[in-house]
Amino acid sequence: MFRLLTTILSIFMLSACDMKNNNADEEARNPILFVGTYTQKEAHVDGKGEGVYVFEMDTLTGALKYLNTSESVLSPSYLAVHPNGHQVYAVNEFDGGDNFATLTAFEYTPETHDLKVLNQVSSVGQYPCHISVDNQGQFVMAANYVGGSVVLYPIMDDGSLGSYADYKKHQGSSTHPRQEAPHAHQIVQHTKKGYVFAVDLGADKIYRYDLDSASMTLNEVEFFDIDPKMSGPRHMAFHPERDIVYVLNELIGTIEVTALTDSSTFIGNIQMVSTQQDGDHREPASAAIKVHPNGKYLYASNRGEINEIVIFRIGKAGELAKIGHQSTFGKTPRDFVIDPTGKFLLVANQDSDAIITFAIDQKTGLLTETGHELSVPTPVCLKFL
């Protein structure tokens, strides 16, 4: 009898392990993609979305399958996913008039793919345009484009956002008509060094902060001026292995390649490269920049009249060599993302209401069409779980 019970128990445990492994295999093959959208008409966009959309991607083909849409909130444009996979945070990108705009915390349920609103908090500014979670999963950081400020929020035990713990207002302006005041456009923590960088398009500056988790403060250490003036730094990306930072300048369509010291001090340009083809004098309106997980390739998008992804090979010292340009087959590639396998690059064409999937050649880094295009109203941000 004991031997029979032992056999049955062993079979049950093996079956449970198989089910767990099958679920893990399924998740690996079909990673979850969250898509932030604009939902209403604003001065700079005609929003048509309904909230945050949830898809799964087939890593064999790059095809997307619709799963769900979040509870309705106002223009959840840029997103951040908590490392635990159970919360998604969004900026609500709008002008609140006499009131501030907001941020939304969602609870994600993997079994049903529901995104339920946990709470909303003030962004302490207008048109918040970027949001991120710190490396330890303790805080959310947001950047307000109008007002030129960055804000720190503690994450509560249930995943909701507490009232803001710290607020920093940037100073300065520059020479372009869009640089009449500071416009914070990104705040992100270095994945290894722990320093927090805030990119300000209006001030032509990058601020460096220390995140003090005990006092829940962002302590400014220094700032770095972007040269030349009217560059309009928008986003930055870190190399996964080297102490190299790539800064995308929206207004002049360039990428600044900069080295970091051990203290994360910028130590001067290694290189400044254009995102446009030789002889192309159209306005670039650069938007997103990403480094491939293998550290060999870098991609950046240009909107406006250009609407393409520019492709670079990364050299041994982190320098860039331009190797290609790929049309996004749509208007306004506001954001793009490389899937967890590194095999596909997905582009959100905001003004043509579509997400396009490209295959990445693993030997060259170049992009090729897959034929997969999905209709999504005014997509802004793409984030994998």
Protein backbone atom coordinates (compact mmCIF):
# COMPACT_ATOMS: atom_id res chain seq x y z
CA MET A 1 0.00 0.00 0.00
CA PHE A 2 2.82 2.38 0.93
CA ARG A 3 4.58 1.64 -2.36
CA LEU A 4 1.33 2.35 -4.28
CA LEU A 5 0.84 5.70 -2.51
CA THR A 6 4.47 6.62 -3.17
CA THR A 7 4.05 5.82 -6.87
CA ILE A 8 0.84 7.88 -7.11
CA LEU A 9 2.48 10.80 -5.30
CA SER A 10 5.50 10.65 -7.63
CA ILE A 11 3.24 10.67 -10.70
CA PHE A 12 1.31 13.64 -9.30
CA MET A 13 4.51 15.59 -8.61
CA LEU A 14 5.89 14.84 -12.08
CA SER A 15 2.61 15.96 -13.65
CA ALA A 16 2.69 19.18 -11.63
CA CYS A 17 6.29 19.83 -12.73
CA ASP A 18 5.35 19.15 -16.35
CA MET A 19 2.45 21.61 -16.08
CA LYS A 20 4.76 24.22 -14.54
CA ASN A 21 7.37 23.67 -17.23
CA ASN A 22 4.72 23.82 -19.95
CA ASN A 23 3.44 27.13 -18.55
CA ALA A 24 6.98 28.49 -18.46
CA ASP A 25 7.56 27.34 -22.03
CA GLU A 26 4.29 28.97 -23.08
CA GLU A 27 5.26 32.27 -21.42
CA ALA A 28 8.69 32.15 -23.04
CA ARG A 29 7.22 31.50 -26.46
CA ASN A 30 4.38 34.01 -26.07
CA PRO A 31 5.71 37.01 -24.10
CA ILE A 32 3.17 39.63 -23.06
CA LEU A 33 3.29 43.08 -24.66
CA PHE A 34 1.65 46.17 -23.15
CA VAL A 35 0.82 49.09 -25.44
CA GLY A 36 0.21 52.61 -24.14
CA THR A 37 -2.04 54.91 -26.19
CA TYR A 38 -3.45 58.40 -26.47
CA THR A 39 -7.20 58.41 -25.77
CA GLN A 40 -8.30 61.99 -26.41
CA LYS A 41 -7.56 64.96 -28.61
CA GLU A 42 -4.84 67.23 -27.27
CA ALA A 43 -2.87 70.08 -28.77
CA HIS A 44 -0.25 67.70 -30.17
CA VAL A 45 -2.28 64.56 -30.95
CA ASP A 46 -5.70 63.21 -31.92
CA GLY A 47 -6.00 60.32 -29.49
CA LYS A 48 -8.20 57.35 -30.42
CA GLY A 49 -7.16 54.65 -27.95
CA GLU A 50 -9.22 53.14 -25.13
CA GLY A 51 -6.47 52.51 -22.57
CA VAL A 52 -3.54 50.13 -22.22
CA TYR A 53 -3.76 47.19 -24.64
CA VAL A 54 -2.47 43.70 -23.84
CA PHE A 55 -1.10 41.38 -26.54
CA GLU A 56 0.97 38.26 -26.72
CA MET A 57 3.70 37.77 -29.31
CA ASP A 58 4.62 34.53 -31.00
CA THR A 59 8.43 34.42 -30.88
CA LEU A 60 8.52 32.04 -33.85
CA THR A 61 6.78 34.46 -36.22
CA GLY A 62 6.61 37.86 -34.51
CA ALA A 63 2.81 37.92 -34.86
CA LEU A 64 0.75 39.68 -32.19
CA LYS A 65 -2.51 38.41 -30.72
CA TYR A 66 -4.95 40.69 -28.85
CA LEU A 67 -5.75 39.63 -25.30
CA ASN A 68 -7.38 42.52 -23.42
CA THR A 69 -7.67 46.25 -22.75
CA SER A 70 -7.25 47.93 -19.39
CA GLU A 71 -9.86 49.78 -17.42
CA SER A 72 -10.44 53.13 -19.07
CA VAL A 73 -8.05 55.91 -18.06
CA LEU A 74 -7.02 59.12 -19.79
CA SER A 75 -4.13 58.82 -22.28
CA PRO A 76 -1.90 56.20 -20.61
CA SER A 77 0.87 56.97 -23.08
CA TYR A 78 4.20 55.87 -21.60
CA LEU A 79 4.46 52.72 -19.48
CA ALA A 80 6.72 50.98 -16.98
CA VAL A 81 6.39 47.35 -15.88
CA HIS A 82 7.35 46.32 -12.35
CA PRO A 83 10.06 43.62 -12.19
CA ASN A 84 7.63 41.31 -10.37
CA GLY A 85 5.36 41.32 -13.44
CA HIS A 86 2.24 42.13 -11.42
CA GLN A 87 2.01 45.92 -11.82
CA VAL A 88 2.06 48.29 -14.77
CA TYR A 89 2.47 52.03 -14.27
CA ALA A 90 1.41 54.70 -16.77
CA VAL A 91 1.70 58.44 -17.18
CA ASN A 92 -1.61 60.08 -18.07
CA GLU A 93 -0.32 62.53 -20.64
CA PHE A 94 -2.65 65.50 -20.68
CA ASP A 95 -2.92 69.12 -19.61
CA GLY A 96 -4.85 69.26 -16.36
CA GLY A 97 -5.45 73.00 -16.57
CA ASP A 98 -5.80 74.31 -13.02
CA ASN A 99 -5.02 70.81 -11.74
CA PHE A 100 -2.01 68.59 -12.38
CA ALA A 101 -2.00 65.58 -14.67
CA THR A 102 -1.85 62.10 -13.13
CA LEU A 103 -0.10 58.73 -13.04
CA THR A 104 -1.97 55.41 -12.88
CA ALA A 105 -1.00 52.15 -11.17
CA PHE A 106 -2.53 48.96 -12.64
CA GLU A 107 -2.64 45.44 -11.22
CA TYR A 108 -1.97 42.82 -13.92
CA THR A 109 -3.55 39.36 -13.62
CA PRO A 110 -1.67 36.86 -15.83
CA GLU A 111 -4.48 34.29 -15.90
CA THR A 112 -7.07 36.68 -17.35
CA HIS A 113 -4.74 39.42 -18.67
CA ASP A 114 -6.83 42.01 -16.82
CA LEU A 115 -5.35 45.41 -16.00
CA LYS A 116 -7.25 46.80 -13.02
CA VAL A 117 -6.68 50.33 -11.76
CA LEU A 118 -5.14 50.33 -8.28
CA ASN A 119 -4.98 54.10 -7.87
CA GLN A 120 -4.04 57.41 -9.45
CA VAL A 121 -1.76 60.11 -8.07
CA SER A 122 -0.84 63.64 -9.12
CA SER A 123 2.11 63.97 -11.50
CA VAL A 124 2.84 67.39 -9.94
CA GLY A 125 3.08 68.78 -13.47
CA GLN A 126 1.50 68.73 -16.92
CA TYR A 127 1.95 66.33 -19.83
CA PRO A 128 4.01 63.70 -18.01
CA CYS A 129 5.82 61.84 -20.80
CA HIS A 130 8.09 59.22 -19.21
CA ILE A 131 7.91 56.79 -16.30
CA SER A 132 10.24 54.12 -14.93
CA VAL A 133 10.67 51.77 -11.96
CA ASP A 134 13.92 51.77 -9.99
CA ASN A 135 16.19 48.72 -10.04
CA GLN A 136 14.95 47.43 -6.68
CA GLY A 137 11.26 47.79 -7.49
CA GLN A 138 10.68 50.22 -4.61
CA PHE A 139 9.97 53.48 -6.44
CA VAL A 140 8.39 54.93 -9.56
CA MET A 141 9.97 57.98 -11.20
CA ALA A 142 8.19 60.25 -13.67
CA ALA A 143 9.15 63.19 -15.92
CA ASN A 144 6.80 66.12 -16.62
CA TYR A 145 7.38 67.70 -20.02
CA VAL A 146 5.49 70.89 -19.15
CA GLY A 147 7.01 72.28 -15.99
CA GLY A 148 10.33 70.52 -16.55
CA SER A 149 10.26 68.44 -13.39
CA VAL A 150 10.94 64.91 -12.18
CA VAL A 151 9.05 63.23 -9.34
CA LEU A 152 9.68 60.23 -7.07
CA TYR A 153 6.92 57.96 -5.70
CA PRO A 154 7.12 55.06 -3.23
CA ILE A 155 5.47 51.81 -4.30
CA MET A 156 3.11 50.52 -1.61
CA ASP A 157 2.86 46.89 -0.48
CA ASP A 158 -0.16 46.31 -2.73
CA GLY A 159 1.62 47.80 -5.77
CA SER A 160 -0.24 51.10 -5.68
CA LEU A 161 1.58 54.45 -5.69
CA GLY A 162 2.00 56.52 -2.57
CA SER A 163 1.97 60.30 -2.56
CA TYR A 164 5.08 61.78 -4.13
CA ALA A 165 8.13 61.67 -1.87
CA ASP A 166 10.38 64.08 -3.79
CA TYR A 167 10.10 66.65 -6.57
CA LYS A 168 12.86 68.33 -8.52
CA LYS A 169 12.29 71.29 -10.84
CA HIS A 170 14.83 71.72 -13.64
CA GLN A 171 16.15 75.12 -14.67
CA GLY A 172 17.32 76.64 -17.93
CA SER A 173 16.43 77.06 -21.58
CA SER A 174 18.17 76.99 -24.95
CA THR A 175 18.03 78.42 -28.45
CA HIS A 176 15.32 76.41 -30.27
CA PRO A 177 11.71 77.72 -30.18
CA ARG A 178 10.72 74.56 -28.27
CA GLN A 179 13.37 75.27 -25.64
CA GLU A 180 11.83 78.32 -24.00
CA ALA A 181 11.81 76.45 -20.67
CA PRO A 182 12.98 73.12 -19.22
CA HIS A 183 11.14 70.07 -20.59
CA ALA A 184 12.04 66.85 -18.78
CA HIS A 185 11.64 63.97 -21.22
CA GLN A 186 13.08 60.89 -19.52
CA ILE A 187 14.13 59.68 -16.08
CA VAL A 188 15.84 56.31 -15.76
CA GLN A 189 18.21 54.49 -13.41
CA HIS A 190 21.45 53.00 -14.70
CA THR A 191 20.95 49.25 -14.70
CA LYS A 192 24.28 48.51 -12.98
CA LYS A 193 25.66 51.67 -11.37
CA GLY A 194 22.42 52.75 -9.73
CA TYR A 195 22.63 56.44 -10.61
CA VAL A 196 19.51 58.16 -11.91
CA PHE A 197 19.68 60.25 -15.08
CA ALA A 198 17.06 62.77 -16.18
CA VAL A 199 17.15 63.99 -19.78
CA ASP A 200 15.84 67.54 -20.35
CA LEU A 201 15.02 68.54 -23.92
CA GLY A 202 14.28 72.20 -23.12
CA ALA A 203 17.38 72.94 -21.07
CA ASP A 204 19.83 70.94 -23.23
CA LYS A 205 20.95 69.18 -20.07
CA ILE A 206 21.24 65.74 -18.48
CA TYR A 207 20.86 65.72 -14.71
CA ARG A 208 22.39 63.06 -12.49
CA TYR A 209 20.74 62.15 -9.20
CA ASP A 210 21.48 59.77 -6.35
CA LEU A 211 18.39 57.84 -5.27
CA ASP A 212 18.36 57.61 -1.46
CA SER A 213 15.85 54.90 -0.64
CA ALA A 214 16.02 55.51 3.11
CA SER A 215 15.07 59.18 2.91
CA MET A 216 13.09 58.65 -0.32
CA THR A 217 14.84 61.51 -2.10
CA LEU A 218 16.49 62.27 -5.43
CA ASN A 219 19.68 64.11 -4.55
CA GLU A 220 21.11 66.11 -7.44
CA VAL A 221 24.81 65.45 -7.91
CA GLU A 222 25.56 67.37 -11.10
CA PHE A 223 24.29 68.14 -14.56
CA PHE A 224 25.90 67.92 -17.98
CA ASP A 225 25.34 70.40 -20.79
CA ILE A 226 24.59 68.96 -24.22
CA ASP A 227 26.58 70.57 -27.01
CA PRO A 228 25.77 72.07 -29.46
CA LYS A 229 22.85 74.17 -28.25
CA MET A 230 19.37 73.40 -29.60
CA SER A 231 20.21 69.68 -29.64
CA GLY A 232 17.11 68.81 -27.61
CA PRO A 233 18.15 65.59 -25.82
CA ARG A 234 15.13 63.31 -25.58
CA HIS A 235 16.11 59.78 -24.49
CA MET A 236 19.25 57.90 -23.53
CA ALA A 237 20.19 54.22 -23.67
CA PHE A 238 22.89 52.28 -21.82
CA HIS A 239 25.21 49.69 -23.28
CA PRO A 240 24.54 46.35 -21.53
CA GLU A 241 28.23 45.61 -20.90
CA ARG A 242 30.36 48.75 -21.35
CA ASP A 243 30.27 52.05 -19.47
CA ILE A 244 28.83 53.82 -22.49
CA VAL A 245 25.73 56.02 -22.80
CA TYR A 246 23.96 56.90 -26.04
CA VAL A 247 21.97 60.16 -26.00
CA LEU A 248 19.40 60.79 -28.75
CA ASN A 249 18.98 64.48 -29.64
CA GLU A 250 15.47 65.00 -30.99
CA LEU A 251 15.79 68.46 -32.50
CA ILE A 252 18.93 67.92 -34.61
CA GLY A 253 18.73 64.16 -35.16
CA THR A 254 22.04 63.10 -33.67
CA ILE A 255 23.32 60.50 -31.22
CA GLU A 256 25.99 61.47 -28.73
CA VAL A 257 28.20 58.57 -27.64
CA THR A 258 29.60 59.26 -24.18
CA ALA A 259 31.73 57.31 -21.73
CA LEU A 260 31.06 57.12 -17.99
CA THR A 261 33.55 57.02 -15.16
CA ASP A 262 33.08 54.73 -12.17
CA SER A 263 31.21 57.59 -10.48
CA SER A 264 28.94 57.91 -13.54
CA THR A 265 30.42 61.25 -14.51
CA PHE A 266 30.28 62.00 -18.22
CA ILE A 267 33.86 62.28 -19.48
CA GLY A 268 33.29 63.72 -22.91
CA ASN A 269 32.11 62.67 -26.30
CA ILE A 270 33.50 59.61 -27.97
CA GLN A 271 31.45 60.43 -31.05
CA MET A 272 28.53 62.43 -32.43
CA VAL A 273 26.69 60.79 -35.34
CA SER A 274 23.72 61.78 -37.45
CA THR A 275 20.62 59.60 -37.66
CA GLN A 276 19.96 60.76 -41.23
CA GLN A 277 21.33 59.69 -44.54
CA ASP A 278 23.91 61.93 -46.18
CA GLY A 279 22.22 64.81 -47.98
CA ASP A 280 18.88 64.39 -46.18
CA HIS A 281 17.96 67.84 -44.84
CA ARG A 282 14.47 67.00 -43.63
CA GLU A 283 13.56 67.66 -39.99
CA PRO A 284 14.41 64.44 -38.11
CA ALA A 285 12.10 64.63 -35.05
CA SER A 286 14.02 61.77 -33.41
CA ALA A 287 12.01 59.75 -30.90
CA ALA A 288 13.26 56.43 -29.48
CA ILE A 289 16.65 54.77 -29.01
CA LYS A 290 17.38 51.16 -28.00
CA VAL A 291 20.45 48.93 -27.77
CA HIS A 292 20.07 45.29 -28.81
CA PRO A 293 20.45 42.91 -25.82
CA ASN A 294 23.57 41.42 -27.42
CA GLY A 295 25.26 44.85 -27.30
CA LYS A 296 26.20 44.69 -30.98
CA TYR A 297 23.56 46.96 -32.54
CA LEU A 298 21.76 50.22 -31.80
CA TYR A 299 18.48 51.45 -33.27
CA ALA A 300 16.85 54.91 -33.31
CA SER A 301 13.65 56.25 -34.84
CA ASN A 302 12.92 59.46 -36.75
CA ARG A 303 9.37 60.79 -37.16
CA GLY A 304 8.13 63.81 -39.14
CA GLU A 305 8.77 63.45 -42.86
CA ILE A 306 11.27 60.62 -42.45
CA ASN A 307 9.47 57.82 -40.54
CA GLU A 308 12.23 55.26 -40.37
CA ILE A 309 14.50 53.27 -38.09
CA VAL A 310 18.22 53.95 -38.43
CA ILE A 311 20.53 51.01 -37.66
CA PHE A 312 24.05 51.17 -36.24
CA ARG A 313 26.73 48.59 -35.53
CA ILE A 314 28.44 49.09 -32.16
CA GLY A 315 32.24 48.86 -32.20
CA LYS A 316 34.66 47.58 -29.56
CA ALA A 317 34.95 50.99 -27.89
CA GLY A 318 31.21 51.59 -28.08
CA GLU A 319 31.46 53.74 -31.21
CA LEU A 320 28.71 53.63 -33.84
CA ALA A 321 28.86 52.81 -37.55
CA LYS A 322 25.69 53.46 -39.54
CA ILE A 323 24.69 50.38 -41.52
CA GLY A 324 21.11 50.91 -42.63
CA HIS A 325 17.79 52.74 -42.69
CA GLN A 326 14.44 50.95 -42.55
CA SER A 327 11.09 52.56 -43.39
CA THR A 328 8.49 51.94 -40.68
CA PHE A 329 5.72 51.77 -43.32
CA GLY A 330 3.67 54.25 -41.33
CA LYS A 331 3.60 57.67 -39.72
CA THR A 332 5.28 58.81 -36.51
CA PRO A 333 7.29 55.89 -35.08
CA ARG A 334 6.98 57.27 -31.55
CA ASP A 335 8.40 54.15 -29.93
CA PHE A 336 9.72 50.70 -30.72
CA VAL A 337 10.83 47.69 -28.70
CA ILE A 338 13.08 44.66 -29.16
CA ASP A 339 11.41 41.46 -27.98
CA PRO A 340 12.99 39.38 -25.15
CA THR A 341 14.54 36.90 -27.60
CA GLY A 342 16.24 39.67 -29.60
CA LYS A 343 14.74 38.28 -32.81
CA PHE A 344 12.13 40.96 -33.55
CA LEU A 345 11.76 44.73 -33.45
CA LEU A 346 8.22 46.10 -33.13
CA VAL A 347 7.41 49.70 -34.12
CA ALA A 348 4.48 51.79 -32.87
CA ASN A 349 3.38 54.06 -35.73
CA GLN A 350 1.34 56.55 -33.73
CA ASP A 351 -0.33 58.50 -36.54
CA SER A 352 -1.14 55.53 -38.76
CA ASP A 353 -2.61 53.46 -35.90
CA ALA A 354 -0.49 50.35 -36.36
CA ILE A 355 2.26 48.20 -34.89
CA ILE A 356 4.69 46.72 -37.43
CA THR A 357 6.90 43.70 -36.68
CA PHE A 358 10.36 43.43 -38.26
CA ALA A 359 12.76 40.50 -38.03
CA ILE A 360 16.30 41.28 -36.85
CA ASP A 361 19.10 39.57 -38.74
CA GLN A 362 21.24 38.21 -35.92
CA LYS A 363 24.44 38.39 -38.00
CA THR A 364 24.04 41.89 -39.44
CA GLY A 365 21.48 43.67 -37.23
CA LEU A 366 19.49 44.73 -40.30
CA LEU A 367 15.69 44.63 -40.33
CA THR A 368 13.41 42.75 -42.74
CA GLU A 369 9.64 42.71 -43.14
CA THR A 370 7.68 39.89 -41.54
CA GLY A 371 4.33 40.84 -43.04
CA HIS A 372 2.82 41.19 -39.55
CA GLU A 373 0.95 44.46 -39.01
CA LEU A 374 -1.61 45.03 -36.27
CA SER A 375 -4.15 47.85 -36.05
CA VAL A 376 -3.91 49.71 -32.72
CA PRO A 377 -5.34 53.24 -32.24
CA THR A 378 -2.63 55.89 -31.60
CA PRO A 379 -0.01 53.59 -30.06
CA VAL A 380 2.67 55.44 -28.10
CA CYS A 381 4.73 53.05 -25.98
CA LEU A 382 5.61 49.34 -26.21
CA LYS A 383 6.74 47.39 -23.12
CA PHE A 384 7.22 43.65 -22.73
CA LEU A 385 6.41 41.93 -19.46
